Full PDB file with SEQRES, HELIX, SHEET, SSBOND, CRYST1, ORIGX, SCALE, CONECT and MASTER records, all heavy atoms in Angstrom:
SEQRES   1 A   30  ASP TYR SER GLN ARG GLU VAL GLY VAL PRO VAL GLY PHE          
SEQRES   2 A   30  TRP ARG SER VAL GLY HIS SER GLY ASN ALA ILE VAL VAL          
SEQRES   3 A   30  GLU SER MET VAL                                              
HELIX    1 AA1 GLY A   18  MET A   29  1                                  12    
CRYST1    1.000    1.000    1.000  90.00  90.00  90.00 P 1           1          
ORIGX1      1.000000  0.000000  0.000000        0.00000                         
ORIGX2      0.000000  1.000000  0.000000        0.00000                         
ORIGX3      0.000000  0.000000  1.000000        0.00000                         
SCALE1      1.000000  0.000000  0.000000        0.00000                         
SCALE2      0.000000  1.000000  0.000000        0.00000                         
SCALE3      0.000000  0.000000  1.000000        0.00000                         
ATOM      1  N   ASP A   1     120.475  88.577 193.042  1.00  0.00           N  
ATOM      2  CA  ASP A   1     120.297  89.635 194.123  1.00  0.00           C  
ATOM      3  C   ASP A   1     121.071  90.871 193.744  1.00  0.00           C  
ATOM      4  O   ASP A   1     122.141  90.692 193.195  1.00  0.00           O  
ATOM      5  CB  ASP A   1     120.700  89.087 195.476  1.00  0.00           C  
ATOM      6  CG  ASP A   1     119.740  88.067 196.022  1.00  0.00           C  
ATOM      7  OD1 ASP A   1     118.664  87.842 195.447  1.00  0.00           O  
ATOM      8  OD2 ASP A   1     120.106  87.306 196.956  1.00  0.00           O  
ATOM      9  N   TYR A   2     120.503  91.957 194.160  1.00  0.00           N  
ATOM     10  CA  TYR A   2     121.080  93.260 193.886  1.00  0.00           C  
ATOM     11  C   TYR A   2     121.305  94.063 195.116  1.00  0.00           C  
ATOM     12  O   TYR A   2     120.432  94.101 196.031  1.00  0.00           O  
ATOM     13  CB  TYR A   2     120.353  93.995 192.927  1.00  0.00           C  
ATOM     14  CG  TYR A   2     120.743  95.497 192.639  1.00  0.00           C  
ATOM     15  CD1 TYR A   2     121.906  95.807 192.007  1.00  0.00           C  
ATOM     16  CD2 TYR A   2     119.982  96.536 193.185  1.00  0.00           C  
ATOM     17  CE1 TYR A   2     122.290  97.155 191.816  1.00  0.00           C  
ATOM     18  CE2 TYR A   2     120.322  97.893 192.925  1.00  0.00           C  
ATOM     19  CZ  TYR A   2     121.533  98.169 192.304  1.00  0.00           C  
ATOM     20  OH  TYR A   2     121.926  99.464 192.136  1.00  0.00           O  
ATOM     21  N   SER A   3     122.462  94.714 195.229  1.00  0.00           N  
ATOM     22  CA  SER A   3     122.792  95.658 196.436  1.00  0.00           C  
ATOM     23  C   SER A   3     123.232  97.052 195.816  1.00  0.00           C  
ATOM     24  O   SER A   3     124.209  97.050 195.115  1.00  0.00           O  
ATOM     25  CB  SER A   3     123.820  95.030 197.273  1.00  0.00           C  
ATOM     26  OG  SER A   3     124.171  95.912 198.335  1.00  0.00           O  
ATOM     27  N   GLN A   4     122.434  98.062 196.138  1.00  0.00           N  
ATOM     28  CA  GLN A   4     122.807  99.393 195.644  1.00  0.00           C  
ATOM     29  C   GLN A   4     123.879  99.980 196.570  1.00  0.00           C  
ATOM     30  O   GLN A   4     123.642 100.035 197.796  1.00  0.00           O  
ATOM     31  CB  GLN A   4     121.538 100.244 195.673  1.00  0.00           C  
ATOM     32  CG  GLN A   4     121.866 101.743 195.173  1.00  0.00           C  
ATOM     33  CD  GLN A   4     120.646 102.545 195.099  1.00  0.00           C  
ATOM     34  OE1 GLN A   4     119.525 102.110 194.988  1.00  0.00           O  
ATOM     35  NE2 GLN A   4     120.828 103.913 195.286  1.00  0.00           N  
ATOM     36  N   ARG A   5     125.015 100.391 196.038  1.00  0.00           N  
ATOM     37  CA  ARG A   5     126.027 100.934 196.745  1.00  0.00           C  
ATOM     38  C   ARG A   5     126.513 102.255 196.117  1.00  0.00           C  
ATOM     39  O   ARG A   5     127.023 102.316 195.017  1.00  0.00           O  
ATOM     40  CB  ARG A   5     127.303  99.982 196.771  1.00  0.00           C  
ATOM     41  CG  ARG A   5     126.927  98.544 197.164  1.00  0.00           C  
ATOM     42  CD  ARG A   5     126.538  98.456 198.631  1.00  0.00           C  
ATOM     43  NE  ARG A   5     127.669  98.491 199.535  1.00  0.00           N  
ATOM     44  CZ  ARG A   5     127.628  98.316 200.866  1.00  0.00           C  
ATOM     45  NH1 ARG A   5     126.388  98.063 201.445  1.00  0.00           N  
ATOM     46  NH2 ARG A   5     128.654  98.387 201.550  1.00  0.00           N  
ATOM     47  N   GLU A   6     126.218 103.346 196.756  1.00  0.00           N  
ATOM     48  CA  GLU A   6     126.646 104.687 196.315  1.00  0.00           C  
ATOM     49  C   GLU A   6     128.010 104.982 196.805  1.00  0.00           C  
ATOM     50  O   GLU A   6     128.229 104.974 198.034  1.00  0.00           O  
ATOM     51  CB  GLU A   6     125.571 105.696 196.645  1.00  0.00           C  
ATOM     52  CG  GLU A   6     124.246 105.386 196.061  1.00  0.00           C  
ATOM     53  CD  GLU A   6     124.214 105.215 194.527  1.00  0.00           C  
ATOM     54  OE1 GLU A   6     125.076 105.809 193.868  1.00  0.00           O  
ATOM     55  OE2 GLU A   6     123.318 104.542 194.081  1.00  0.00           O  
ATOM     56  N   VAL A   7     128.966 105.404 195.955  1.00  0.00           N  
ATOM     57  CA  VAL A   7     130.344 105.473 196.328  1.00  0.00           C  
ATOM     58  C   VAL A   7     130.908 106.929 196.120  1.00  0.00           C  
ATOM     59  O   VAL A   7     132.168 107.125 196.138  1.00  0.00           O  
ATOM     60  CB  VAL A   7     131.250 104.442 195.751  1.00  0.00           C  
ATOM     61  CG1 VAL A   7     130.861 103.014 196.138  1.00  0.00           C  
ATOM     62  CG2 VAL A   7     131.142 104.500 194.240  1.00  0.00           C  
ATOM     63  N   GLY A   8     130.018 107.850 195.879  1.00  0.00           N  
ATOM     64  CA  GLY A   8     130.452 109.221 195.627  1.00  0.00           C  
ATOM     65  C   GLY A   8     130.851 109.537 194.238  1.00  0.00           C  
ATOM     66  O   GLY A   8     131.543 110.598 193.974  1.00  0.00           O  
ATOM     67  N   VAL A   9     130.540 108.688 193.280  1.00  0.00           N  
ATOM     68  CA  VAL A   9     130.859 108.918 191.838  1.00  0.00           C  
ATOM     69  C   VAL A   9     129.572 108.908 191.129  1.00  0.00           C  
ATOM     70  O   VAL A   9     128.860 107.960 191.120  1.00  0.00           O  
ATOM     71  CB  VAL A   9     131.857 107.855 191.277  1.00  0.00           C  
ATOM     72  CG1 VAL A   9     132.113 108.085 189.814  1.00  0.00           C  
ATOM     73  CG2 VAL A   9     133.164 107.937 192.062  1.00  0.00           C  
ATOM     74  N   PRO A  10     129.259 109.976 190.328  1.00  0.00           N  
ATOM     75  CA  PRO A  10     127.982 110.056 189.661  1.00  0.00           C  
ATOM     76  C   PRO A  10     127.963 108.994 188.476  1.00  0.00           C  
ATOM     77  O   PRO A  10     128.957 108.872 187.799  1.00  0.00           O  
ATOM     78  CB  PRO A  10     127.799 111.427 189.094  1.00  0.00           C  
ATOM     79  CG  PRO A  10     129.281 111.932 188.998  1.00  0.00           C  
ATOM     80  CD  PRO A  10     130.012 111.238 190.206  1.00  0.00           C  
ATOM     81  N   VAL A  11     126.807 108.326 188.257  1.00  0.00           N  
ATOM     82  CA  VAL A  11     126.694 107.397 187.218  1.00  0.00           C  
ATOM     83  C   VAL A  11     125.569 107.754 186.272  1.00  0.00           C  
ATOM     84  O   VAL A  11     124.612 108.422 186.726  1.00  0.00           O  
ATOM     85  CB  VAL A  11     126.475 106.009 187.844  1.00  0.00           C  
ATOM     86  CG1 VAL A  11     127.698 105.476 188.502  1.00  0.00           C  
ATOM     87  CG2 VAL A  11     125.289 105.892 188.657  1.00  0.00           C  
ATOM     88  N   GLY A  12     125.531 107.267 185.112  1.00  0.00           N  
ATOM     89  CA  GLY A  12     124.588 107.629 184.042  1.00  0.00           C  
ATOM     90  C   GLY A  12     124.445 106.548 183.046  1.00  0.00           C  
ATOM     91  O   GLY A  12     125.163 105.536 183.054  1.00  0.00           O  
ATOM     92  N   PHE A  13     123.573 106.744 182.158  1.00  0.00           N  
ATOM     93  CA  PHE A  13     123.388 105.829 180.997  1.00  0.00           C  
ATOM     94  C   PHE A  13     124.586 105.785 180.058  1.00  0.00           C  
ATOM     95  O   PHE A  13     125.029 106.905 179.639  1.00  0.00           O  
ATOM     96  CB  PHE A  13     122.087 106.285 180.179  1.00  0.00           C  
ATOM     97  CG  PHE A  13     120.856 106.195 180.930  1.00  0.00           C  
ATOM     98  CD1 PHE A  13     120.035 107.261 181.146  1.00  0.00           C  
ATOM     99  CD2 PHE A  13     120.454 104.994 181.600  1.00  0.00           C  
ATOM    100  CE1 PHE A  13     118.897 107.200 181.925  1.00  0.00           C  
ATOM    101  CE2 PHE A  13     119.287 104.896 182.276  1.00  0.00           C  
ATOM    102  CZ  PHE A  13     118.502 106.015 182.408  1.00  0.00           C  
ATOM    103  N   TRP A  14     125.093 104.661 179.836  1.00  0.00           N  
ATOM    104  CA  TRP A  14     126.330 104.419 178.996  1.00  0.00           C  
ATOM    105  C   TRP A  14     126.007 103.457 177.941  1.00  0.00           C  
ATOM    106  O   TRP A  14     125.948 102.261 178.235  1.00  0.00           O  
ATOM    107  CB  TRP A  14     127.455 103.998 179.868  1.00  0.00           C  
ATOM    108  CG  TRP A  14     128.826 104.005 179.347  1.00  0.00           C  
ATOM    109  CD1 TRP A  14     129.775 105.036 179.435  1.00  0.00           C  
ATOM    110  CD2 TRP A  14     129.415 102.905 178.645  1.00  0.00           C  
ATOM    111  NE1 TRP A  14     130.957 104.642 178.741  1.00  0.00           N  
ATOM    112  CE2 TRP A  14     130.734 103.325 178.309  1.00  0.00           C  
ATOM    113  CE3 TRP A  14     129.064 101.671 178.263  1.00  0.00           C  
ATOM    114  CZ2 TRP A  14     131.668 102.544 177.573  1.00  0.00           C  
ATOM    115  CZ3 TRP A  14     129.868 100.854 177.579  1.00  0.00           C  
ATOM    116  CH2 TRP A  14     131.251 101.317 177.228  1.00  0.00           C  
ATOM    117  N   ARG A  15     125.710 103.843 176.827  1.00  0.00           N  
ATOM    118  CA  ARG A  15     125.390 103.084 175.692  1.00  0.00           C  
ATOM    119  C   ARG A  15     124.331 102.103 175.945  1.00  0.00           C  
ATOM    120  O   ARG A  15     123.205 102.348 176.163  1.00  0.00           O  
ATOM    121  CB  ARG A  15     126.776 102.449 175.128  1.00  0.00           C  
ATOM    122  CG  ARG A  15     127.654 103.554 174.715  1.00  0.00           C  
ATOM    123  CD  ARG A  15     129.012 103.005 174.286  1.00  0.00           C  
ATOM    124  NE  ARG A  15     128.962 102.275 173.063  1.00  0.00           N  
ATOM    125  CZ  ARG A  15     129.875 102.238 172.104  1.00  0.00           C  
ATOM    126  NH1 ARG A  15     130.933 102.929 172.285  1.00  0.00           N  
ATOM    127  NH2 ARG A  15     129.723 101.505 171.070  1.00  0.00           N  
ATOM    128  N   SER A  16     124.722 100.655 176.028  1.00  0.00           N  
ATOM    129  CA  SER A  16     123.633  99.698 176.298  1.00  0.00           C  
ATOM    130  C   SER A  16     123.369  99.582 177.723  1.00  0.00           C  
ATOM    131  O   SER A  16     122.695  98.483 178.095  1.00  0.00           O  
ATOM    132  CB  SER A  16     124.021  98.370 175.644  1.00  0.00           C  
ATOM    133  OG  SER A  16     125.338  98.016 176.151  1.00  0.00           O  
ATOM    134  N   VAL A  17     123.759 100.492 178.537  1.00  0.00           N  
ATOM    135  CA  VAL A  17     123.464 100.544 179.967  1.00  0.00           C  
ATOM    136  C   VAL A  17     124.006  99.255 180.706  1.00  0.00           C  
ATOM    137  O   VAL A  17     125.098  98.967 180.517  1.00  0.00           O  
ATOM    138  CB  VAL A  17     121.998 100.835 180.240  1.00  0.00           C  
ATOM    139  CG1 VAL A  17     121.788 101.338 181.639  1.00  0.00           C  
ATOM    140  CG2 VAL A  17     121.423 101.884 179.188  1.00  0.00           C  
ATOM    141  N   GLY A  18     123.150  98.521 181.415  1.00  0.00           N  
ATOM    142  CA  GLY A  18     123.611  97.372 182.175  1.00  0.00           C  
ATOM    143  C   GLY A  18     124.154  96.259 181.248  1.00  0.00           C  
ATOM    144  O   GLY A  18     125.053  95.522 181.691  1.00  0.00           O  
ATOM    145  N   HIS A  19     123.507  96.130 180.001  1.00  0.00           N  
ATOM    146  CA  HIS A  19     124.020  94.992 179.179  1.00  0.00           C  
ATOM    147  C   HIS A  19     125.529  95.121 178.899  1.00  0.00           C  
ATOM    148  O   HIS A  19     126.190  94.074 178.702  1.00  0.00           O  
ATOM    149  CB  HIS A  19     123.261  95.107 177.886  1.00  0.00           C  
ATOM    150  CG  HIS A  19     121.830  94.676 177.994  1.00  0.00           C  
ATOM    151  ND1 HIS A  19     121.450  93.345 178.043  1.00  0.00           N  
ATOM    152  CD2 HIS A  19     120.706  95.405 178.098  1.00  0.00           C  
ATOM    153  CE1 HIS A  19     120.069  93.302 178.124  1.00  0.00           C  
ATOM    154  NE2 HIS A  19     119.659  94.528 178.131  1.00  0.00           N  
ATOM    155  N   SER A  20     126.057  96.280 178.873  1.00  0.00           N  
ATOM    156  CA  SER A  20     127.468  96.398 178.359  1.00  0.00           C  
ATOM    157  C   SER A  20     128.430  95.697 179.348  1.00  0.00           C  
ATOM    158  O   SER A  20     129.402  95.131 178.869  1.00  0.00           O  
ATOM    159  CB  SER A  20     127.813  97.944 178.374  1.00  0.00           C  
ATOM    160  OG  SER A  20     127.778  98.527 179.603  1.00  0.00           O  
ATOM    161  N   GLY A  21     128.172  95.720 180.601  1.00  0.00           N  
ATOM    162  CA  GLY A  21     128.984  95.015 181.558  1.00  0.00           C  
ATOM    163  C   GLY A  21     128.468  93.579 181.801  1.00  0.00           C  
ATOM    164  O   GLY A  21     129.250  92.611 181.992  1.00  0.00           O  
ATOM    165  N   ASN A  22     127.163  93.459 181.961  1.00  0.00           N  
ATOM    166  CA  ASN A  22     126.519  92.212 182.401  1.00  0.00           C  
ATOM    167  C   ASN A  22     126.809  91.124 181.290  1.00  0.00           C  
ATOM    168  O   ASN A  22     126.929  89.908 181.709  1.00  0.00           O  
ATOM    169  CB  ASN A  22     125.108  92.335 182.633  1.00  0.00           C  
ATOM    170  CG  ASN A  22     124.868  93.279 183.853  1.00  0.00           C  
ATOM    171  OD1 ASN A  22     125.791  93.511 184.670  1.00  0.00           O  
ATOM    172  ND2 ASN A  22     123.701  93.789 184.042  1.00  0.00           N  
ATOM    173  N   ALA A  23     126.833  91.485 180.079  1.00  0.00           N  
ATOM    174  CA  ALA A  23     127.104  90.526 178.965  1.00  0.00           C  
ATOM    175  C   ALA A  23     128.440  89.906 179.212  1.00  0.00           C  
ATOM    176  O   ALA A  23     128.690  88.734 178.961  1.00  0.00           O  
ATOM    177  CB  ALA A  23     126.973  91.179 177.604  1.00  0.00           C  
ATOM    178  N   ILE A  24     129.477  90.759 179.525  1.00  0.00           N  
ATOM    179  CA  ILE A  24     130.852  90.295 179.787  1.00  0.00           C  
ATOM    180  C   ILE A  24     130.868  89.205 180.946  1.00  0.00           C  
ATOM    181  O   ILE A  24     131.493  88.108 180.842  1.00  0.00           O  
ATOM    182  CB  ILE A  24     131.700  91.494 180.111  1.00  0.00           C  
ATOM    183  CG1 ILE A  24     131.882  92.422 178.921  1.00  0.00           C  
ATOM    184  CG2 ILE A  24     133.105  91.002 180.540  1.00  0.00           C  
ATOM    185  CD1 ILE A  24     132.591  93.641 179.227  1.00  0.00           C  
ATOM    186  N   VAL A  25     130.128  89.596 181.993  1.00  0.00           N  
ATOM    187  CA  VAL A  25     130.067  88.621 183.188  1.00  0.00           C  
ATOM    188  C   VAL A  25     129.493  87.371 182.821  1.00  0.00           C  
ATOM    189  O   VAL A  25     130.029  86.342 183.053  1.00  0.00           O  
ATOM    190  CB  VAL A  25     129.345  89.323 184.331  1.00  0.00           C  
ATOM    191  CG1 VAL A  25     129.150  88.350 185.499  1.00  0.00           C  
ATOM    192  CG2 VAL A  25     130.166  90.564 184.814  1.00  0.00           C  
ATOM    193  N   VAL A  26     128.258  87.355 182.233  1.00  0.00           N  
ATOM    194  CA  VAL A  26     127.538  86.237 181.936  1.00  0.00           C  
ATOM    195  C   VAL A  26     128.360  85.321 180.942  1.00  0.00           C  
ATOM    196  O   VAL A  26     128.491  84.052 181.172  1.00  0.00           O  
ATOM    197  CB  VAL A  26     126.139  86.502 181.390  1.00  0.00           C  
ATOM    198  CG1 VAL A  26     125.495  85.207 180.732  1.00  0.00           C  
ATOM    199  CG2 VAL A  26     125.269  87.182 182.360  1.00  0.00           C  
ATOM    200  N   GLU A  27     128.796  85.930 179.916  1.00  0.00           N  
ATOM    201  CA  GLU A  27     129.542  85.037 178.940  1.00  0.00           C  
ATOM    202  C   GLU A  27     130.799  84.578 179.367  1.00  0.00           C  
ATOM    203  O   GLU A  27     131.252  83.473 179.013  1.00  0.00           O  
ATOM    204  CB  GLU A  27     129.751  85.920 177.641  1.00  0.00           C  
ATOM    205  CG  GLU A  27     128.469  86.148 176.873  1.00  0.00           C  
ATOM    206  CD  GLU A  27     127.744  84.843 176.428  1.00  0.00           C  
ATOM    207  OE1 GLU A  27     128.247  84.264 175.402  1.00  0.00           O  
ATOM    208  OE2 GLU A  27     126.849  84.375 177.050  1.00  0.00           O  
ATOM    209  N   SER A  28     131.535  85.333 180.295  1.00  0.00           N  
ATOM    210  CA  SER A  28     132.723  84.814 180.929  1.00  0.00           C  
ATOM    211  C   SER A  28     132.432  83.603 181.774  1.00  0.00           C  
ATOM    212  O   SER A  28     133.156  82.629 181.811  1.00  0.00           O  
ATOM    213  CB  SER A  28     133.402  85.861 181.690  1.00  0.00           C  
ATOM    214  OG  SER A  28     133.823  86.957 180.858  1.00  0.00           O  
ATOM    215  N   MET A  29     131.318  83.705 182.551  1.00  0.00           N  
ATOM    216  CA  MET A  29     130.970  82.593 183.406  1.00  0.00           C  
ATOM    217  C   MET A  29     130.575  81.329 182.601  1.00  0.00           C  
ATOM    218  O   MET A  29     130.839  80.168 182.922  1.00  0.00           O  
ATOM    219  CB  MET A  29     129.839  83.016 184.311  1.00  0.00           C  
ATOM    220  CG  MET A  29     129.467  81.963 185.376  1.00  0.00           C  
ATOM    221  SD  MET A  29     130.870  81.787 186.555  1.00  0.00           S  
ATOM    222  CE  MET A  29     130.202  80.530 187.673  1.00  0.00           C  
ATOM    223  N   VAL A  30     129.828  81.604 181.481  1.00  0.00           N  
ATOM    224  CA  VAL A  30     129.432  80.452 180.653  1.00  0.00           C  
ATOM    225  C   VAL A  30     130.691  79.751 180.112  1.00  0.00           C  
ATOM    226  O   VAL A  30     130.743  78.565 180.028  1.00  0.00           O  
ATOM    227  CB  VAL A  30     128.528  80.916 179.485  1.00  0.00           C  
ATOM    228  CG1 VAL A  30     128.369  79.817 178.449  1.00  0.00           C  
ATOM    229  CG2 VAL A  30     127.181  81.386 180.015  1.00  0.00           C  
TER     230      VAL A  30                                                      
MASTER        0    0    0    1    0    0    0    6  229    1    0    3          
END                                                                             
């Protein structure tokens, strides 16, 4: 599930986009 939360800080494409952080989460959980 996803919840969009805008907090007043602009965001953009950063290298591998979502994979860059999500890989850390998934592999840490594994």
